[in-house]
Amino acid sequence: MQQITLAEASQNLPELIEAALSGEEIIIIKDNQPVVKLTPVSPVKRRRQPGSAKGLITISDDFDAPLEDFKEYME
């Protein structure tokens, strides 16, 4: 965990962002009190959209036909 003053944070923001993205916890302090914690934002989960794979998946005409290996069990 790295604690840094507000003045230092304003001068080094790009470096602090990179450090936070790489997993380091960055705490910004003001008047010797922690006020801000830099953490990466979790990716937003997209809602499932029905039909979005339409045309991407095909099923052969004989997909449910008995397999030759199991023919003796099917009689």
C-alpha atoms as a PDB file:
ATOM      1  CA  MET A   1       0.000   0.000   0.000  1.00  0.00           C
ATOM      2  CA  GLN A   2       1.351   3.376  -0.994  1.00  0.00           C
ATOM      3  CA  GLN A   3       0.226   6.586   0.689  1.00  0.00           C
ATOM      4  CA  ILE A   4       0.784   9.827  -1.138  1.00  0.00           C
ATOM      5  CA  THR A   5      -0.243  13.423  -0.494  1.00  0.00           C
ATOM      6  CA  LEU A   6      -2.779  15.196  -2.654  1.00  0.00           C
ATOM      7  CA  ALA A   7      -0.107  17.556  -4.030  1.00  0.00           C
ATOM      8  CA  GLU A   8       2.152  14.632  -4.993  1.00  0.00           C
ATOM      9  CA  ALA A   9      -0.791  12.781  -6.523  1.00  0.00           C
ATOM     10  CA  SER A  10      -1.691  15.708  -8.767  1.00  0.00           C
ATOM     11  CA  GLN A  11       1.890  15.820 -10.082  1.00  0.00           C
ATOM     12  CA  ASN A  12       2.196  12.052 -10.625  1.00  0.00           C
ATOM     13  CA  LEU A  13      -1.307  10.979 -11.606  1.00  0.00           C
ATOM     14  CA  PRO A  14      -0.384   8.949 -14.742  1.00  0.00           C
ATOM     15  CA  GLU A  15       2.208   6.934 -12.803  1.00  0.00           C
ATOM     16  CA  LEU A  16      -0.223   6.381  -9.925  1.00  0.00           C
ATOM     17  CA  ILE A  17      -2.902   5.150 -12.311  1.00  0.00           C
ATOM     18  CA  GLU A  18      -0.464   2.657 -13.848  1.00  0.00           C
ATOM     19  CA  ALA A  19       0.527   1.463 -10.365  1.00  0.00           C
ATOM     20  CA  ALA A  20      -3.134   0.974  -9.421  1.00  0.00           C
ATOM     21  CA  LEU A  21      -3.818  -0.914 -12.658  1.00  0.00           C
ATOM     22  CA  SER A  22      -0.950  -3.263 -11.883  1.00  0.00           C
ATOM     23  CA  GLY A  23      -2.526  -4.101  -8.520  1.00  0.00           C
ATOM     24  CA  GLU A  24      -0.903  -1.669  -6.127  1.00  0.00           C
ATOM     25  CA  GLU A  25      -3.182   0.004  -3.594  1.00  0.00           C
ATOM     26  CA  ILE A  26      -2.794   3.799  -3.724  1.00  0.00           C
ATOM     27  CA  ILE A  27      -4.171   5.948  -0.885  1.00  0.00           C
ATOM     28  CA  ILE A  28      -4.235   9.728  -1.300  1.00  0.00           C
ATOM     29  CA  ILE A  29      -4.067  11.675   1.936  1.00  0.00           C
ATOM     30  CA  LYS A  30      -5.019  15.251   2.785  1.00  0.00           C
ATOM     31  CA  ASP A  31      -4.202  16.807   6.152  1.00  0.00           C
ATOM     32  CA  ASN A  32      -2.752  13.449   7.230  1.00  0.00           C
ATOM     33  CA  GLN A  33      -6.110  11.730   6.673  1.00  0.00           C
ATOM     34  CA  PRO A  34      -6.828   9.206   3.900  1.00  0.00           C
ATOM     35  CA  VAL A  35      -9.395  10.677   1.512  1.00  0.00           C
ATOM     36  CA  VAL A  36      -9.171   8.720  -1.755  1.00  0.00           C
ATOM     37  CA  LYS A  37      -8.252   5.173  -2.727  1.00  0.00           C
ATOM     38  CA  LEU A  38      -7.212   4.482  -6.327  1.00  0.00           C
ATOM     39  CA  THR A  39      -8.417   1.110  -7.582  1.00  0.00           C
ATOM     40  CA  PRO A  40      -9.062  -0.197 -11.103  1.00  0.00           C
ATOM     41  CA  VAL A  41     -12.663  -0.265 -12.301  1.00  0.00           C
ATOM     42  CA  SER A  42     -14.074  -3.749 -12.924  1.00  0.00           C
ATOM     43  CA  PRO A  43     -15.208  -4.335 -16.492  1.00  0.00           C
ATOM     44  CA  VAL A  44     -18.924  -3.816 -16.997  1.00  0.00           C
ATOM     45  CA  LYS A  45     -20.772  -7.053 -17.675  1.00  0.00           C
ATOM     46  CA  ARG A  46     -22.923  -6.870 -20.761  1.00  0.00           C
ATOM     47  CA  ARG A  47     -26.447  -8.235 -20.569  1.00  0.00           C
ATOM     48  CA  ARG A  48     -27.071 -11.369 -22.533  1.00  0.00           C
ATOM     49  CA  GLN A  49     -28.849 -10.638 -25.781  1.00  0.00           C
ATOM     50  CA  PRO A  50     -31.029 -13.483 -27.063  1.00  0.00           C
ATOM     51  CA  GLY A  51     -30.353 -14.372 -30.674  1.00  0.00           C
ATOM     52  CA  SER A  52     -26.902 -12.826 -30.775  1.00  0.00           C
ATOM     53  CA  ALA A  53     -25.354 -16.090 -32.106  1.00  0.00           C
ATOM     54  CA  LYS A  54     -27.982 -16.610 -34.798  1.00  0.00           C
ATOM     55  CA  GLY A  55     -26.358 -18.031 -37.917  1.00  0.00           C
ATOM     56  CA  LEU A  56     -23.096 -18.856 -36.134  1.00  0.00           C
ATOM     57  CA  ILE A  57     -24.048 -22.373 -35.054  1.00  0.00           C
ATOM     58  CA  THR A  58     -25.128 -25.187 -37.364  1.00  0.00           C
ATOM     59  CA  ILE A  59     -26.284 -28.702 -36.530  1.00  0.00           C
ATOM     60  CA  SER A  60     -25.904 -31.478 -39.056  1.00  0.00           C
ATOM     61  CA  ASP A  61     -29.079 -33.193 -40.256  1.00  0.00           C
ATOM     62  CA  ASP A  62     -28.032 -36.538 -38.775  1.00  0.00           C
ATOM     63  CA  PHE A  63     -26.757 -35.324 -35.395  1.00  0.00           C
ATOM     64  CA  ASP A  64     -29.294 -37.455 -33.516  1.00  0.00           C
ATOM     65  CA  ALA A  65     -28.887 -40.564 -35.683  1.00  0.00           C
ATOM     66  CA  PRO A  66     -27.616 -43.661 -33.857  1.00  0.00           C
ATOM     67  CA  LEU A  67     -23.869 -44.140 -33.970  1.00  0.00           C
ATOM     68  CA  GLU A  68     -22.453 -47.212 -35.699  1.00  0.00           C
ATOM     69  CA  ASP A  69     -20.604 -48.181 -32.491  1.00  0.00           C
ATOM     70  CA  PHE A  70     -23.906 -48.434 -30.603  1.00  0.00           C
ATOM     71  CA  LYS A  71     -25.940 -50.126 -33.323  1.00  0.00           C
ATOM     72  CA  GLU A  72     -25.966 -53.483 -31.480  1.00  0.00           C
ATOM     73  CA  TYR A  73     -27.461 -51.808 -28.378  1.00  0.00           C
ATOM     74  CA  MET A  74     -30.241 -50.151 -30.353  1.00  0.00           C
ATOM     75  CA  GLU A  75     -31.790 -53.388 -31.682  1.00  0.00           C
END
